[in-house]
C-alpha atoms as a PDB file:
ATOM      1  CA  MET A   1    -172.791 -74.700 -69.245  1.00  0.00           C
ATOM      2  CA  ALA A   2    -175.222 -77.593 -69.517  1.00  0.00           C
ATOM      3  CA  SER A   3    -174.807 -78.182 -65.784  1.00  0.00           C
ATOM      4  CA  VAL A   4    -175.853 -74.608 -64.992  1.00  0.00           C
ATOM      5  CA  TYR A   5    -178.825 -74.943 -67.343  1.00  0.00           C
ATOM      6  CA  SER A   6    -179.889 -78.231 -65.736  1.00  0.00           C
ATOM      7  CA  SER A   7    -179.639 -76.708 -62.276  1.00  0.00           C
ATOM      8  CA  ARG A   8    -181.857 -73.773 -63.255  1.00  0.00           C
ATOM      9  CA  LEU A   9    -184.285 -76.107 -64.968  1.00  0.00           C
ATOM     10  CA  GLU A  10    -184.557 -78.287 -61.866  1.00  0.00           C
ATOM     11  CA  LYS A  11    -185.146 -75.246 -59.652  1.00  0.00           C
ATOM     12  CA  ARG A  12    -187.858 -73.999 -61.999  1.00  0.00           C
ATOM     13  CA  LYS A  13    -189.509 -77.425 -62.086  1.00  0.00           C
ATOM     14  CA  GLN A  14    -189.453 -77.640 -58.285  1.00  0.00           C
ATOM     15  CA  TRP A  15    -190.966 -74.159 -57.996  1.00  0.00           C
ATOM     16  CA  TRP A  16    -193.844 -75.085 -60.307  1.00  0.00           C
ATOM     17  CA  LYS A  17    -194.416 -78.361 -58.504  1.00  0.00           C
ATOM     18  CA  THR A  18    -194.625 -76.422 -55.246  1.00  0.00           C
ATOM     19  CA  GLN A  19    -197.121 -73.987 -56.779  1.00  0.00           C
ATOM     20  CA  LEU A  20    -199.221 -76.882 -58.016  1.00  0.00           C
ATOM     21  CA  ARG A  21    -199.153 -78.617 -54.615  1.00  0.00           C
ATOM     22  CA  GLU A  22    -200.142 -75.401 -52.833  1.00  0.00           C
ATOM     23  CA  ALA A  23    -202.995 -74.757 -55.249  1.00  0.00           C
ATOM     24  CA  GLU A  24    -204.319 -78.279 -54.784  1.00  0.00           C
ATOM     25  CA  ALA A  25    -203.974 -78.048 -50.999  1.00  0.00           C
ATOM     26  CA  ASN A  26    -205.795 -74.712 -50.990  1.00  0.00           C
ATOM     27  CA  GLY A  27    -208.574 -76.280 -53.021  1.00  0.00           C
ATOM     28  CA  ARG A  28    -209.030 -78.965 -50.372  1.00  0.00           C
ATOM     29  CA  GLY A  29    -208.720 -76.439 -47.579  1.00  0.00           C
ATOM     30  CA  ASP A  30    -205.995 -78.355 -45.751  1.00  0.00           C
ATOM     31  CA  SER A  31    -203.016 -76.109 -46.410  1.00  0.00           C
ATOM     32  CA  THR A  32    -201.325 -74.283 -43.574  1.00  0.00           C
ATOM     33  CA  SER A  33    -200.593 -71.400 -45.939  1.00  0.00           C
ATOM     34  CA  GLN A  34    -204.072 -70.588 -47.211  1.00  0.00           C
ATOM     35  CA  ARG A  35    -203.931 -67.895 -49.837  1.00  0.00           C
ATOM     36  CA  THR A  36    -206.711 -65.404 -50.242  1.00  0.00           C
ATOM     37  CA  ASN A  37    -207.953 -63.403 -53.185  1.00  0.00           C
ATOM     38  CA  GLY A  38    -209.137 -60.480 -51.062  1.00  0.00           C
ATOM     39  CA  LYS A  39    -212.634 -61.924 -50.762  1.00  0.00           C
ATOM     40  CA  GLY A  40    -211.863 -65.171 -49.010  1.00  0.00           C
ATOM     41  CA  LEU A  41    -210.174 -68.384 -49.965  1.00  0.00           C
ATOM     42  CA  ILE A  42    -208.587 -68.882 -53.357  1.00  0.00           C
ATOM     43  CA  SER A  43    -211.240 -69.724 -55.934  1.00  0.00           C
ATOM     44  CA  GLY A  44    -211.524 -72.936 -57.904  1.00  0.00           C
ATOM     45  CA  LEU A  45    -210.771 -71.037 -61.100  1.00  0.00           C
ATOM     46  CA  ASP A  46    -207.527 -69.699 -59.638  1.00  0.00           C
ATOM     47  CA  ILE A  47    -206.513 -73.232 -58.682  1.00  0.00           C
ATOM     48  CA  LEU A  48    -207.255 -74.433 -62.194  1.00  0.00           C
ATOM     49  CA  GLN A  49    -205.210 -71.605 -63.716  1.00  0.00           C
ATOM     50  CA  VAL A  50    -202.218 -72.394 -61.493  1.00  0.00           C
ATOM     51  CA  ARG A  51    -202.515 -76.084 -62.337  1.00  0.00           C
ATOM     52  CA  ILE A  52    -202.599 -75.355 -66.080  1.00  0.00           C
ATOM     53  CA  GLN A  53    -199.628 -72.975 -65.844  1.00  0.00           C
ATOM     54  CA  ALA A  54    -197.649 -75.467 -63.788  1.00  0.00           C
ATOM     55  CA  GLU A  55    -198.349 -78.368 -66.114  1.00  0.00           C
ATOM     56  CA  ARG A  56    -197.429 -76.307 -69.186  1.00  0.00           C
ATOM     57  CA  ALA A  57    -194.211 -75.101 -67.581  1.00  0.00           C
ATOM     58  CA  LEU A  58    -193.249 -78.618 -66.527  1.00  0.00           C
ATOM     59  CA  ARG A  59    -193.936 -80.001 -70.016  1.00  0.00           C
ATOM     60  CA  LYS A  60    -191.921 -77.196 -71.584  1.00  0.00           C
ATOM     61  CA  ALA A  61    -189.050 -77.751 -69.164  1.00  0.00           C
ATOM     62  CA  GLN A  62    -189.065 -81.493 -69.865  1.00  0.00           C
ATOM     63  CA  LYS A  63    -189.114 -80.871 -73.614  1.00  0.00           C
ATOM     64  CA  CYS A  64    -186.147 -78.482 -73.344  1.00  0.00           C
ATOM     65  CA  GLN A  65    -184.276 -80.967 -71.188  1.00  0.00           C
ATOM     66  CA  ASN A  66    -184.922 -83.756 -73.703  1.00  0.00           C
ATOM     67  CA  GLU A  67    -183.752 -81.593 -76.613  1.00  0.00           C
ATOM     68  CA  ARG A  68    -180.560 -80.664 -74.763  1.00  0.00           C
ATOM     69  CA  SER A  69    -179.759 -84.291 -73.994  1.00  0.00           C
ATOM     70  CA  LEU A  70    -179.812 -85.285 -77.688  1.00  0.00           C
END
């Protein structure tokens, strides 16, 4: 059971890391997969929101993983 949980946790962490990388790349304008908000390139505020969400999710995932390993 713990193995299944760890696998899901790792997948979730990787997904958030990917989101964070894409948001940062979009902010620099060097991503091959530029996302748009309907008006042009993704805005700085959108990048910040993705970064905050990703960092929170990664901290939460790490906390859960630490609690499970006790």
